[in-house]
C-alpha atoms as a PDB file:
ATOM      1  CA  UNK A   1     135.025  63.704  82.631  1.00  0.00           C
ATOM      2  CA  UNK A   2     137.986  61.356  82.967  1.00  0.00           C
ATOM      3  CA  UNK A   3     140.327  61.915  85.915  1.00  0.00           C
ATOM      4  CA  UNK A   4     143.403  61.815  83.676  1.00  0.00           C
ATOM      5  CA  UNK A   5     142.225  64.728  81.552  1.00  0.00           C
ATOM      6  CA  UNK A   6     144.022  68.011  82.134  1.00  0.00           C
ATOM      7  CA  UNK A   7     142.170  71.190  83.033  1.00  0.00           C
ATOM      8  CA  UNK A   8     142.766  72.520  79.513  1.00  0.00           C
ATOM      9  CA  UNK A   9     141.338  69.358  77.947  1.00  0.00           C
ATOM     10  CA  UNK A  10     138.280  69.454  80.195  1.00  0.00           C
ATOM     11  CA  UNK A  11     137.794  73.115  79.392  1.00  0.00           C
ATOM     12  CA  UNK A  12     137.998  72.453  75.655  1.00  0.00           C
ATOM     13  CA  UNK A  13     135.345  69.730  75.937  1.00  0.00           C
ATOM     14  CA  UNK A  14     133.081  72.092  77.875  1.00  0.00           C
ATOM     15  CA  UNK A  15     133.635  74.812  75.260  1.00  0.00           C
ATOM     16  CA  UNK A  16     132.912  72.446  72.367  1.00  0.00           C
ATOM     17  CA  UNK A  17     129.617  71.416  73.987  1.00  0.00           C
ATOM     18  CA  UNK A  18     128.709  75.073  74.492  1.00  0.00           C
ATOM     19  CA  UNK A  19     129.600  75.828  70.869  1.00  0.00           C
ATOM     20  CA  UNK A  20     127.427  72.952  69.703  1.00  0.00           C
ATOM     21  CA  UNK A  21     124.502  74.468  71.634  1.00  0.00           C
ATOM     22  CA  UNK A  22     125.004  77.863  70.014  1.00  0.00           C
ATOM     23  CA  UNK A  23     125.459  76.458  66.502  1.00  0.00           C
ATOM     24  CA  UNK A  24     122.122  74.659  66.832  1.00  0.00           C
ATOM     25  CA  UNK A  25     120.460  78.079  67.142  1.00  0.00           C
ATOM     26  CA  UNK A  26     122.099  79.487  63.982  1.00  0.00           C
ATOM     27  CA  UNK A  27     121.255  78.865  60.309  1.00  0.00           C
ATOM     28  CA  UNK A  28     122.624  75.490  59.088  1.00  0.00           C
ATOM     29  CA  UNK A  29     125.068  77.140  56.658  1.00  0.00           C
ATOM     30  CA  UNK A  30     126.964  78.635  59.622  1.00  0.00           C
ATOM     31  CA  UNK A  31     128.258  75.134  60.321  1.00  0.00           C
ATOM     32  CA  UNK A  32     130.501  75.348  57.253  1.00  0.00           C
ATOM     33  CA  UNK A  33     132.078  78.517  58.634  1.00  0.00           C
ATOM     34  CA  UNK A  34     132.819  76.999  62.046  1.00  0.00           C
ATOM     35  CA  UNK A  35     134.270  73.848  60.540  1.00  0.00           C
ATOM     36  CA  UNK A  36     136.423  75.958  58.240  1.00  0.00           C
ATOM     37  CA  UNK A  37     137.994  77.996  61.054  1.00  0.00           C
ATOM     38  CA  UNK A  38     138.351  75.156  63.551  1.00  0.00           C
ATOM     39  CA  UNK A  39     142.043  74.520  62.850  1.00  0.00           C
ATOM     40  CA  UNK A  40     143.072  78.168  63.196  1.00  0.00           C
ATOM     41  CA  UNK A  41     140.982  79.334  66.170  1.00  0.00           C
ATOM     42  CA  UNK A  42     140.566  78.375  69.818  1.00  0.00           C
ATOM     43  CA  UNK A  43     137.229  77.025  71.033  1.00  0.00           C
ATOM     44  CA  UNK A  44     136.623  80.177  73.093  1.00  0.00           C
ATOM     45  CA  UNK A  45     137.093  82.290  69.963  1.00  0.00           C
ATOM     46  CA  UNK A  46     134.517  80.220  68.075  1.00  0.00           C
ATOM     47  CA  UNK A  47     132.075  80.611  70.962  1.00  0.00           C
ATOM     48  CA  UNK A  48     132.535  84.392  70.774  1.00  0.00           C
ATOM     49  CA  UNK A  49     131.877  84.265  67.007  1.00  0.00           C
ATOM     50  CA  UNK A  50     128.703  82.221  67.560  1.00  0.00           C
ATOM     51  CA  UNK A  51     127.393  84.623  70.208  1.00  0.00           C
ATOM     52  CA  UNK A  52     128.120  87.618  67.971  1.00  0.00           C
ATOM     53  CA  UNK A  53     126.508  86.044  64.896  1.00  0.00           C
ATOM     54  CA  UNK A  54     123.390  85.249  66.902  1.00  0.00           C
ATOM     55  CA  UNK A  55     123.082  88.956  67.754  1.00  0.00           C
ATOM     56  CA  UNK A  56     123.439  89.804  64.049  1.00  0.00           C
ATOM     57  CA  UNK A  57     120.713  87.389  62.982  1.00  0.00           C
ATOM     58  CA  UNK A  58     118.425  88.679  65.744  1.00  0.00           C
ATOM     59  CA  UNK A  59     118.986  92.166  64.331  1.00  0.00           C
ATOM     60  CA  UNK A  60     118.041  90.991  60.816  1.00  0.00           C
ATOM     61  CA  UNK A  61     114.810  89.404  62.036  1.00  0.00           C
ATOM     62  CA  UNK A  62     113.867  92.522  64.014  1.00  0.00           C
ATOM     63  CA  UNK A  63     114.496  94.911  61.094  1.00  0.00           C
ATOM     64  CA  UNK A  64     113.848  92.984  57.854  1.00  0.00           C
ATOM     65  CA  UNK A  65     110.127  92.665  56.959  1.00  0.00           C
ATOM     66  CA  UNK A  66     110.772  89.595  54.757  1.00  0.00           C
ATOM     67  CA  UNK A  67     111.829  87.686  57.854  1.00  0.00           C
ATOM     68  CA  UNK A  68     108.735  88.462  59.908  1.00  0.00           C
ATOM     69  CA  UNK A  69     107.615  85.378  61.809  1.00  0.00           C
ATOM     70  CA  UNK A  70     110.780  83.415  60.947  1.00  0.00           C
ATOM     71  CA  UNK A  71     113.340  81.962  63.329  1.00  0.00           C
ATOM     72  CA  UNK A  72     117.078  82.555  63.124  1.00  0.00           C
ATOM     73  CA  UNK A  73     117.620  79.141  61.568  1.00  0.00           C
ATOM     74  CA  UNK A  74     115.271  80.103  58.734  1.00  0.00           C
ATOM     75  CA  UNK A  75     117.277  83.155  57.613  1.00  0.00           C
ATOM     76  CA  UNK A  76     118.269  82.266  54.013  1.00  0.00           C
ATOM     77  CA  UNK A  77     121.871  82.460  52.837  1.00  0.00           C
ATOM     78  CA  UNK A  78     120.761  84.470  49.803  1.00  0.00           C
ATOM     79  CA  UNK A  79     119.721  87.350  52.075  1.00  0.00           C
ATOM     80  CA  UNK A  80     123.329  87.875  53.183  1.00  0.00           C
ATOM     81  CA  UNK A  81     124.313  88.659  49.585  1.00  0.00           C
ATOM     82  CA  UNK A  82     121.444  91.118  49.227  1.00  0.00           C
ATOM     83  CA  UNK A  83     122.511  93.272  52.163  1.00  0.00           C
ATOM     84  CA  UNK A  84     124.371  96.517  51.461  1.00  0.00           C
ATOM     85  CA  UNK A  85     127.037  98.365  53.406  1.00  0.00           C
ATOM     86  CA  UNK A  86     124.414 100.716  54.863  1.00  0.00           C
ATOM     87  CA  UNK A  87     122.648  97.687  56.364  1.00  0.00           C
ATOM     88  CA  UNK A  88     125.865  96.798  58.209  1.00  0.00           C
ATOM     89  CA  UNK A  89     126.241 100.424  59.326  1.00  0.00           C
ATOM     90  CA  UNK A  90     122.685 100.296  60.663  1.00  0.00           C
ATOM     91  CA  UNK A  91     123.681  97.147  62.564  1.00  0.00           C
ATOM     92  CA  UNK A  92     126.597  99.050  64.136  1.00  0.00           C
ATOM     93  CA  UNK A  93     124.217 101.762  65.274  1.00  0.00           C
ATOM     94  CA  UNK A  94     121.813  99.110  66.627  1.00  0.00           C
ATOM     95  CA  UNK A  95     124.582  97.565  68.737  1.00  0.00           C
ATOM     96  CA  UNK A  96     125.033 100.733  70.799  1.00  0.00           C
ATOM     97  CA  UNK A  97     121.725 100.123  72.569  1.00  0.00           C
ATOM     98  CA  UNK A  98     118.852  97.724  71.895  1.00  0.00           C
ATOM     99  CA  UNK A  99     116.111  95.890  73.775  1.00  0.00           C
ATOM    100  CA  UNK A 100     115.896  92.141  74.272  1.00  0.00           C
ATOM    101  CA  UNK A 101     113.590  90.177  76.579  1.00  0.00           C
ATOM    102  CA  UNK A 102     112.459  93.354  78.338  1.00  0.00           C
ATOM    103  CA  UNK A 103     116.067  94.349  79.018  1.00  0.00           C
ATOM    104  CA  UNK A 104     118.112  97.205  77.572  1.00  0.00           C
ATOM    105  CA  UNK A 105     121.458  95.981  76.241  1.00  0.00           C
ATOM    106  CA  UNK A 106     124.399  98.250  75.503  1.00  0.00           C
ATOM    107  CA  UNK A 107     127.821  97.571  73.980  1.00  0.00           C
ATOM    108  CA  UNK A 108     131.063  99.369  74.683  1.00  0.00           C
ATOM    109  CA  UNK A 109     133.389 100.474  71.879  1.00  0.00           C
ATOM    110  CA  UNK A 110     135.339  97.273  72.375  1.00  0.00           C
ATOM    111  CA  UNK A 111     132.181  95.138  72.260  1.00  0.00           C
ATOM    112  CA  UNK A 112     130.988  96.784  69.039  1.00  0.00           C
ATOM    113  CA  UNK A 113     134.394  96.348  67.425  1.00  0.00           C
ATOM    114  CA  UNK A 114     134.471  92.667  68.344  1.00  0.00           C
ATOM    115  CA  UNK A 115     131.030  92.064  66.853  1.00  0.00           C
ATOM    116  CA  UNK A 116     131.818  93.777  63.550  1.00  0.00           C
ATOM    117  CA  UNK A 117     135.112  91.849  63.351  1.00  0.00           C
ATOM    118  CA  UNK A 118     133.200  88.601  63.908  1.00  0.00           C
ATOM    119  CA  UNK A 119     130.756  89.529  61.163  1.00  0.00           C
ATOM    120  CA  UNK A 120     133.566  90.439  58.768  1.00  0.00           C
ATOM    121  CA  UNK A 121     135.295  87.104  59.418  1.00  0.00           C
ATOM    122  CA  UNK A 122     132.009  85.308  58.687  1.00  0.00           C
ATOM    123  CA  UNK A 123     131.348  87.257  55.488  1.00  0.00           C
ATOM    124  CA  UNK A 124     134.961  86.933  54.318  1.00  0.00           C
ATOM    125  CA  UNK A 125     134.818  83.165  54.690  1.00  0.00           C
ATOM    126  CA  UNK A 126     131.531  82.828  52.804  1.00  0.00           C
ATOM    127  CA  UNK A 127     132.691  85.167  50.039  1.00  0.00           C
ATOM    128  CA  UNK A 128     136.090  83.504  49.689  1.00  0.00           C
ATOM    129  CA  UNK A 129     134.398  80.107  49.343  1.00  0.00           C
ATOM    130  CA  UNK A 130     131.869  81.414  46.764  1.00  0.00           C
ATOM    131  CA  UNK A 131     128.873  80.831  49.048  1.00  0.00           C
ATOM    132  CA  UNK A 132     127.753  84.458  48.529  1.00  0.00           C
ATOM    133  CA  UNK A 133     128.278  86.927  45.689  1.00  0.00           C
ATOM    134  CA  UNK A 134     128.522  90.148  47.681  1.00  0.00           C
ATOM    135  CA  UNK A 135     130.524  91.120  50.759  1.00  0.00           C
ATOM    136  CA  UNK A 136     129.054  94.309  52.273  1.00  0.00           C
ATOM    137  CA  UNK A 137     130.856  93.848  55.595  1.00  0.00           C
ATOM    138  CA  UNK A 138     134.270  94.554  54.088  1.00  0.00           C
ATOM    139  CA  UNK A 139     133.077  97.995  52.953  1.00  0.00           C
ATOM    140  CA  UNK A 140     132.375  99.090  56.543  1.00  0.00           C
ATOM    141  CA  UNK A 141     135.282 100.440  58.574  1.00  0.00           C
ATOM    142  CA  UNK A 142     136.092  98.850  61.905  1.00  0.00           C
ATOM    143  CA  UNK A 143     135.376 101.410  64.655  1.00  0.00           C
ATOM    144  CA  UNK A 144     138.418 102.995  66.293  1.00  0.00           C
ATOM    145  CA  UNK A 145     138.921 102.449  69.997  1.00  0.00           C
ATOM    146  CA  UNK A 146     139.731 105.286  72.353  1.00  0.00           C
ATOM    147  CA  UNK A 147     142.779 104.239  74.334  1.00  0.00           C
ATOM    148  CA  UNK A 148     142.231 103.814  78.071  1.00  0.00           C
ATOM    149  CA  UNK A 149     144.726 104.623  80.776  1.00  0.00           C
ATOM    150  CA  UNK A 150     146.361 101.371  81.838  1.00  0.00           C
ATOM    151  CA  UNK A 151     145.896 100.867  85.571  1.00  0.00           C
ATOM    152  CA  UNK A 152     148.701  99.074  87.382  1.00  0.00           C
ATOM    153  CA  UNK A 153     150.066  98.918  90.901  1.00  0.00           C
ATOM    154  CA  UNK A 154     152.981 101.021  92.075  1.00  0.00           C
ATOM    155  CA  UNK A 155     155.728  99.108  93.953  1.00  0.00           C
ATOM    156  CA  UNK A 156     154.477 100.308  97.343  1.00  0.00           C
ATOM    157  CA  UNK A 157     150.919  99.259  96.436  1.00  0.00           C
ATOM    158  CA  UNK A 158     152.139  95.799  95.422  1.00  0.00           C
ATOM    159  CA  UNK A 159     153.824  95.386  98.811  1.00  0.00           C
ATOM    160  CA  UNK A 160     150.730  96.711 100.587  1.00  0.00           C
ATOM    161  CA  UNK A 161     148.479  94.255  98.749  1.00  0.00           C
ATOM    162  CA  UNK A 162     150.611  91.251  99.730  1.00  0.00           C
ATOM    163  CA  UNK A 163     150.883  92.528 103.322  1.00  0.00           C
ATOM    164  CA  UNK A 164     147.110  92.798 103.363  1.00  0.00           C
ATOM    165  CA  UNK A 165     146.733  89.137 102.369  1.00  0.00           C
ATOM    166  CA  UNK A 166     149.049  88.097 105.218  1.00  0.00           C
ATOM    167  CA  UNK A 167     147.456  90.301 107.877  1.00  0.00           C
ATOM    168  CA  UNK A 168     144.124  90.169 109.677  1.00  0.00           C
ATOM    169  CA  UNK A 169     141.131  90.765 107.426  1.00  0.00           C
ATOM    170  CA  UNK A 170     139.064  93.812 108.387  1.00  0.00           C
ATOM    171  CA  UNK A 171     135.681  92.125 108.411  1.00  0.00           C
ATOM    172  CA  UNK A 172     133.354  90.141 110.625  1.00  0.00           C
ATOM    173  CA  UNK A 173     134.546  87.280 112.846  1.00  0.00           C
ATOM    174  CA  UNK A 174     133.273  84.826 110.252  1.00  0.00           C
ATOM    175  CA  UNK A 175     135.133  86.608 107.450  1.00  0.00           C
ATOM    176  CA  UNK A 176     138.313  86.673 109.539  1.00  0.00           C
ATOM    177  CA  UNK A 177     138.034  82.948 110.232  1.00  0.00           C
ATOM    178  CA  UNK A 178     137.584  82.269 106.521  1.00  0.00           C
ATOM    179  CA  UNK A 179     140.566  84.493 105.750  1.00  0.00           C
ATOM    180  CA  UNK A 180     142.804  82.690 108.261  1.00  0.00           C
ATOM    181  CA  UNK A 181     141.875  79.335 106.710  1.00  0.00           C
ATOM    182  CA  UNK A 182     142.730  80.440 103.181  1.00  0.00           C
ATOM    183  CA  UNK A 183     145.373  83.151 103.499  1.00  0.00           C
ATOM    184  CA  UNK A 184     148.345  80.892 102.664  1.00  0.00           C
ATOM    185  CA  UNK A 185     146.551  79.759  99.502  1.00  0.00           C
ATOM    186  CA  UNK A 186     145.572  83.343  98.689  1.00  0.00           C
ATOM    187  CA  UNK A 187     149.104  84.613  99.276  1.00  0.00           C
ATOM    188  CA  UNK A 188     150.505  81.920  96.977  1.00  0.00           C
ATOM    189  CA  UNK A 189     148.047  82.837  94.240  1.00  0.00           C
ATOM    190  CA  UNK A 190     148.545  86.608  94.543  1.00  0.00           C
ATOM    191  CA  UNK A 191     152.340  86.228  94.670  1.00  0.00           C
ATOM    192  CA  UNK A 192     152.231  83.970  91.626  1.00  0.00           C
ATOM    193  CA  UNK A 193     150.109  86.441  89.629  1.00  0.00           C
ATOM    194  CA  UNK A 194     152.269  89.424  90.599  1.00  0.00           C
ATOM    195  CA  UNK A 195     155.553  87.550  90.238  1.00  0.00           C
ATOM    196  CA  UNK A 196     155.023  85.890  86.855  1.00  0.00           C
ATOM    197  CA  UNK A 197     152.347  87.865  84.987  1.00  0.00           C
ATOM    198  CA  UNK A 198     150.376  84.737  84.056  1.00  0.00           C
ATOM    199  CA  UNK A 199     146.728  85.078  83.083  1.00  0.00           C
ATOM    200  CA  UNK A 200     144.150  84.121  85.702  1.00  0.00           C
ATOM    201  CA  UNK A 201     142.982  81.202  83.532  1.00  0.00           C
ATOM    202  CA  UNK A 202     146.585  79.956  83.310  1.00  0.00           C
ATOM    203  CA  UNK A 203     146.934  80.277  87.076  1.00  0.00           C
ATOM    204  CA  UNK A 204     143.849  78.302  88.079  1.00  0.00           C
ATOM    205  CA  UNK A 205     144.570  75.754  85.322  1.00  0.00           C
ATOM    206  CA  UNK A 206     147.814  74.704  87.043  1.00  0.00           C
ATOM    207  CA  UNK A 207     148.185  71.176  88.329  1.00  0.00           C
ATOM    208  CA  UNK A 208     150.568  70.264  91.157  1.00  0.00           C
ATOM    209  CA  UNK A 209     152.800  68.332  88.756  1.00  0.00           C
ATOM    210  CA  UNK A 210     153.113  71.409  86.525  1.00  0.00           C
ATOM    211  CA  UNK A 211     155.453  72.902  89.137  1.00  0.00           C
ATOM    212  CA  UNK A 212     159.165  72.223  88.683  1.00  0.00           C
ATOM    213  CA  UNK A 213     161.128  73.467  91.703  1.00  0.00           C
ATOM    214  CA  UNK A 214     164.385  72.030  90.413  1.00  0.00           C
ATOM    215  CA  UNK A 215     164.369  74.649  87.648  1.00  0.00           C
ATOM    216  CA  UNK A 216     161.977  77.136  89.336  1.00  0.00           C
ATOM    217  CA  UNK A 217     159.462  77.010  86.528  1.00  0.00           C
ATOM    218  CA  UNK A 218     155.914  75.896  85.780  1.00  0.00           C
ATOM    219  CA  UNK A 219     154.179  74.578  82.700  1.00  0.00           C
ATOM    220  CA  UNK A 220     151.163  76.641  81.630  1.00  0.00           C
ATOM    221  CA  UNK A 221     148.673  76.313  78.806  1.00  0.00           C
ATOM    222  CA  UNK A 222     148.740  79.639  77.011  1.00  0.00           C
ATOM    223  CA  UNK A 223     145.934  81.428  75.222  1.00  0.00           C
ATOM    224  CA  UNK A 224     145.580  79.517  71.960  1.00  0.00           C
ATOM    225  CA  UNK A 225     146.202  76.130  73.582  1.00  0.00           C
ATOM    226  CA  UNK A 226     149.983  75.830  73.339  1.00  0.00           C
ATOM    227  CA  UNK A 227     152.157  74.914  76.334  1.00  0.00           C
ATOM    228  CA  UNK A 228     155.035  77.010  77.640  1.00  0.00           C
ATOM    229  CA  UNK A 229     157.342  77.165  80.647  1.00  0.00           C
ATOM    230  CA  UNK A 230     157.141  80.240  82.862  1.00  0.00           C
ATOM    231  CA  UNK A 231     159.975  80.814  85.335  1.00  0.00           C
ATOM    232  CA  UNK A 232     159.498  82.226  88.829  1.00  0.00           C
ATOM    233  CA  UNK A 233     161.701  83.874  91.427  1.00  0.00           C
ATOM    234  CA  UNK A 234     162.469  83.165  95.064  1.00  0.00           C
ATOM    235  CA  UNK A 235     159.417  84.957  96.504  1.00  0.00           C
ATOM    236  CA  UNK A 236     157.046  82.951  94.310  1.00  0.00           C
ATOM    237  CA  UNK A 237     158.943  79.736  95.085  1.00  0.00           C
ATOM    238  CA  UNK A 238     158.619  80.252  98.851  1.00  0.00           C
ATOM    239  CA  UNK A 239     154.922  81.153  98.665  1.00  0.00           C
ATOM    240  CA  UNK A 240     154.166  78.056  96.558  1.00  0.00           C
ATOM    241  CA  UNK A 241     156.147  75.715  98.824  1.00  0.00           C
ATOM    242  CA  UNK A 242     154.352  77.069 101.911  1.00  0.00           C
ATOM    243  CA  UNK A 243     150.995  76.491 100.242  1.00  0.00           C
ATOM    244  CA  UNK A 244     151.918  72.988  99.034  1.00  0.00           C
ATOM    245  CA  UNK A 245     152.494  71.887 102.631  1.00  0.00           C
ATOM    246  CA  UNK A 246     148.799  72.565 103.239  1.00  0.00           C
ATOM    247  CA  UNK A 247     147.578  71.528  99.795  1.00  0.00           C
ATOM    248  CA  UNK A 248     149.044  68.019 100.034  1.00  0.00           C
ATOM    249  CA  UNK A 249     146.997  67.369 103.195  1.00  0.00           C
ATOM    250  CA  UNK A 250     143.677  68.250 101.565  1.00  0.00           C
ATOM    251  CA  UNK A 251     141.251  65.589 100.406  1.00  0.00           C
ATOM    252  CA  UNK A 252     139.740  66.737  97.114  1.00  0.00           C
ATOM    253  CA  UNK A 253     136.590  65.911  95.215  1.00  0.00           C
ATOM    254  CA  UNK A 254     136.931  63.221  92.573  1.00  0.00           C
ATOM    255  CA  UNK A 255     138.482  64.568  89.379  1.00  0.00           C
ATOM    256  CA  UNK A 256     140.230  67.446  91.163  1.00  0.00           C
ATOM    257  CA  UNK A 257     143.103  65.515  92.774  1.00  0.00           C
ATOM    258  CA  UNK A 258     145.812  67.245  90.718  1.00  0.00           C
ATOM    259  CA  UNK A 259     144.449  70.809  90.825  1.00  0.00           C
ATOM    260  CA  UNK A 260     146.858  73.242  92.485  1.00  0.00           C
ATOM    261  CA  UNK A 261     144.441  75.895  93.723  1.00  0.00           C
ATOM    262  CA  UNK A 262     141.311  74.549  95.414  1.00  0.00           C
ATOM    263  CA  UNK A 263     138.093  76.244  96.432  1.00  0.00           C
ATOM    264  CA  UNK A 264     136.400  75.790  99.795  1.00  0.00           C
ATOM    265  CA  UNK A 265     134.454  72.897  98.237  1.00  0.00           C
ATOM    266  CA  UNK A 266     137.756  71.093  97.552  1.00  0.00           C
ATOM    267  CA  UNK A 267     137.380  71.502  93.813  1.00  0.00           C
ATOM    268  CA  UNK A 268     139.605  73.346  91.361  1.00  0.00           C
ATOM    269  CA  UNK A 269     139.011  77.050  91.849  1.00  0.00           C
ATOM    270  CA  UNK A 270     137.086  78.713  89.027  1.00  0.00           C
ATOM    271  CA  UNK A 271     138.166  81.815  87.131  1.00  0.00           C
ATOM    272  CA  UNK A 272     135.225  83.720  88.610  1.00  0.00           C
ATOM    273  CA  UNK A 273     136.179  82.773  92.184  1.00  0.00           C
ATOM    274  CA  UNK A 274     139.809  83.789  91.597  1.00  0.00           C
ATOM    275  CA  UNK A 275     138.715  87.118  90.104  1.00  0.00           C
ATOM    276  CA  UNK A 276     136.525  87.753  93.151  1.00  0.00           C
ATOM    277  CA  UNK A 277     139.435  86.898  95.443  1.00  0.00           C
ATOM    278  CA  UNK A 278     141.645  89.534  93.784  1.00  0.00           C
ATOM    279  CA  UNK A 279     138.805  92.055  93.868  1.00  0.00           C
ATOM    280  CA  UNK A 280     138.176  91.416  97.588  1.00  0.00           C
ATOM    281  CA  UNK A 281     141.764  92.100  98.623  1.00  0.00           C
ATOM    282  CA  UNK A 282     142.145  95.072  96.289  1.00  0.00           C
ATOM    283  CA  UNK A 283     139.014  96.769  97.618  1.00  0.00           C
ATOM    284  CA  UNK A 284     140.159  96.203 101.163  1.00  0.00           C
ATOM    285  CA  UNK A 285     143.752  97.400 100.647  1.00  0.00           C
ATOM    286  CA  UNK A 286     143.772  99.749  97.629  1.00  0.00           C
ATOM    287  CA  UNK A 287     140.198 101.068  97.354  1.00  0.00           C
ATOM    288  CA  UNK A 288     141.047 103.959  95.017  1.00  0.00           C
ATOM    289  CA  UNK A 289     142.119 101.663  92.168  1.00  0.00           C
ATOM    290  CA  UNK A 290     139.918  99.135  90.402  1.00  0.00           C
ATOM    291  CA  UNK A 291     142.246  96.133  90.432  1.00  0.00           C
ATOM    292  CA  UNK A 292     141.584  92.953  88.462  1.00  0.00           C
ATOM    293  CA  UNK A 293     143.830  89.939  87.753  1.00  0.00           C
ATOM    294  CA  UNK A 294     144.706  91.537  84.413  1.00  0.00           C
ATOM    295  CA  UNK A 295     145.925  94.641  86.260  1.00  0.00           C
ATOM    296  CA  UNK A 296     148.279  92.400  88.237  1.00  0.00           C
ATOM    297  CA  UNK A 297     149.549  91.063  84.906  1.00  0.00           C
ATOM    298  CA  UNK A 298     150.094  94.639  83.683  1.00  0.00           C
ATOM    299  CA  UNK A 299     151.934  95.414  86.913  1.00  0.00           C
ATOM    300  CA  UNK A 300     154.348  92.551  86.331  1.00  0.00           C
ATOM    301  CA  UNK A 301     154.854  93.495  82.670  1.00  0.00           C
ATOM    302  CA  UNK A 302     155.610  97.100  83.627  1.00  0.00           C
ATOM    303  CA  UNK A 303     158.104  96.087  86.313  1.00  0.00           C
ATOM    304  CA  UNK A 304     159.864  93.650  83.976  1.00  0.00           C
ATOM    305  CA  UNK A 305     160.114  96.236  81.208  1.00  0.00           C
ATOM    306  CA  UNK A 306     161.410  98.926  83.546  1.00  0.00           C
ATOM    307  CA  UNK A 307     164.084  96.539  84.834  1.00  0.00           C
ATOM    308  CA  UNK A 308     165.190  95.132  81.457  1.00  0.00           C
ATOM    309  CA  UNK A 309     164.113  97.627  78.770  1.00  0.00           C
ATOM    310  CA  UNK A 310     163.596  94.555  76.536  1.00  0.00           C
ATOM    311  CA  UNK A 311     160.125  94.677  74.963  1.00  0.00           C
ATOM    312  CA  UNK A 312     160.722  91.345  73.192  1.00  0.00           C
ATOM    313  CA  UNK A 313     161.506  89.621  76.479  1.00  0.00           C
ATOM    314  CA  UNK A 314     158.339  91.079  78.036  1.00  0.00           C
ATOM    315  CA  UNK A 315     156.264  89.871  75.062  1.00  0.00           C
ATOM    316  CA  UNK A 316     157.755  86.379  75.329  1.00  0.00           C
ATOM    317  CA  UNK A 317     157.266  86.088  79.097  1.00  0.00           C
ATOM    318  CA  UNK A 318     153.679  87.358  78.927  1.00  0.00           C
ATOM    319  CA  UNK A 319     152.854  84.995  76.070  1.00  0.00           C
ATOM    320  CA  UNK A 320     152.077  87.687  73.484  1.00  0.00           C
ATOM    321  CA  UNK A 321     152.409  86.274  69.978  1.00  0.00           C
ATOM    322  CA  UNK A 322     152.783  89.770  68.501  1.00  0.00           C
ATOM    323  CA  UNK A 323     155.265  92.156  70.120  1.00  0.00           C
ATOM    324  CA  UNK A 324     153.111  95.059  68.910  1.00  0.00           C
ATOM    325  CA  UNK A 325     150.467  93.966  71.410  1.00  0.00           C
ATOM    326  CA  UNK A 326     153.050  94.372  74.161  1.00  0.00           C
ATOM    327  CA  UNK A 327     154.373  97.643  72.771  1.00  0.00           C
ATOM    328  CA  UNK A 328     150.854  99.106  72.709  1.00  0.00           C
ATOM    329  CA  UNK A 329     150.469  98.448  76.441  1.00  0.00           C
ATOM    330  CA  UNK A 330     153.852  99.896  77.379  1.00  0.00           C
ATOM    331  CA  UNK A 331     154.122 102.712  74.821  1.00  0.00           C
ATOM    332  CA  UNK A 332     154.120 105.406  77.532  1.00  0.00           C
ATOM    333  CA  UNK A 333     157.092 103.778  79.252  1.00  0.00           C
ATOM    334  CA  UNK A 334     158.917 103.431  75.931  1.00  0.00           C
ATOM    335  CA  UNK A 335     158.369 107.123  75.242  1.00  0.00           C
ATOM    336  CA  UNK A 336     159.749 107.993  78.651  1.00  0.00           C
ATOM    337  CA  UNK A 337     162.867 105.908  77.938  1.00  0.00           C
ATOM    338  CA  UNK A 338     163.313 107.625  74.559  1.00  0.00           C
ATOM    339  CA  UNK A 339     163.098 111.044  76.217  1.00  0.00           C
ATOM    340  CA  UNK A 340     165.706 110.023  78.761  1.00  0.00           C
ATOM    341  CA  UNK A 341     168.083 109.125  75.896  1.00  0.00           C
ATOM    342  CA  UNK A 342     168.393 112.751  74.738  1.00  0.00           C
ATOM    343  CA  UNK A 343     171.069 113.601  77.308  1.00  0.00           C
ATOM    344  CA  UNK A 344     172.938 110.292  77.270  1.00  0.00           C
ATOM    345  CA  UNK A 345     175.201 111.049  74.302  1.00  0.00           C
ATOM    346  CA  UNK A 346     177.565 114.070  74.521  1.00  0.00           C
ATOM    347  CA  UNK A 347     179.007 115.428  71.287  1.00  0.00           C
ATOM    348  CA  UNK A 348     181.788 117.373  72.986  1.00  0.00           C
ATOM    349  CA  UNK A 349     183.564 116.520  76.160  1.00  0.00           C
ATOM    350  CA  UNK A 350     183.673 119.185  78.855  1.00  0.00           C
END
């Protein structure tokens, strides 16, 4: 890949190649669907659709006697019109638990909902474009999700986590040596996540020249591919400047010269490595809570909402296109604020 390509551009190329691999395993008529949605979906979304559709076609081959001995690519388009709503309901039941390659595969409520939504999008496209005459998927209700308690850090836990990154690591001598080598980088990353609420992919996608210390902001590529400026405070500024003193002295692998956060191999850190970094510190400092990078994002969103009471500001800063997404996450806090309003207005003065 060319050195002048941004992380987002490189990632899109990688995703397109992965999508091409998956499409080659699906029936040829699926290509029309993916071309049709290309302008309105991100490459990662199309990959998710392709993975989900592959599971659906595997289900058809395993359950439909007319497809015995056929491959996925040989599933005829006409069969999709012949299916009924009860076939789709059977597919939903199948998704809960099934066997593949001597392994038992299960799907959570969220996983099942995503797969039925992918199938509905596929069917809707084919039906809308007159490729099929029947749309059984639209007759099947999307499963409801049971809301989970949102885990976030309390203020004292946030401080403890950052203190933990700065202090000695409670591990072997080798682990402590590794920690000492990387703690300024780790502190910069953890402070950035907690102090701006950016996604982990946005964080590791940062280049050095994305940082603007004159205006205390950084340019990130948001989910969906659009660029936005995210502003940071003094604590984040100081942590980043401390890390940059070290970062500028590092000799990187070719193609990774501009990456802000580097791995031990002097390459841009991967999402998986950053997730493991957060998990390592959280387990060491706050073992009773399962903390992920997304929980750090929720922590920032909660703190910002409690300080401002402005759900629209929180949605904008977090990069949510729909404020209802934000409101869903912070509904409990909103309810608490509404309850507190009951005694704010007095009808008669004492």
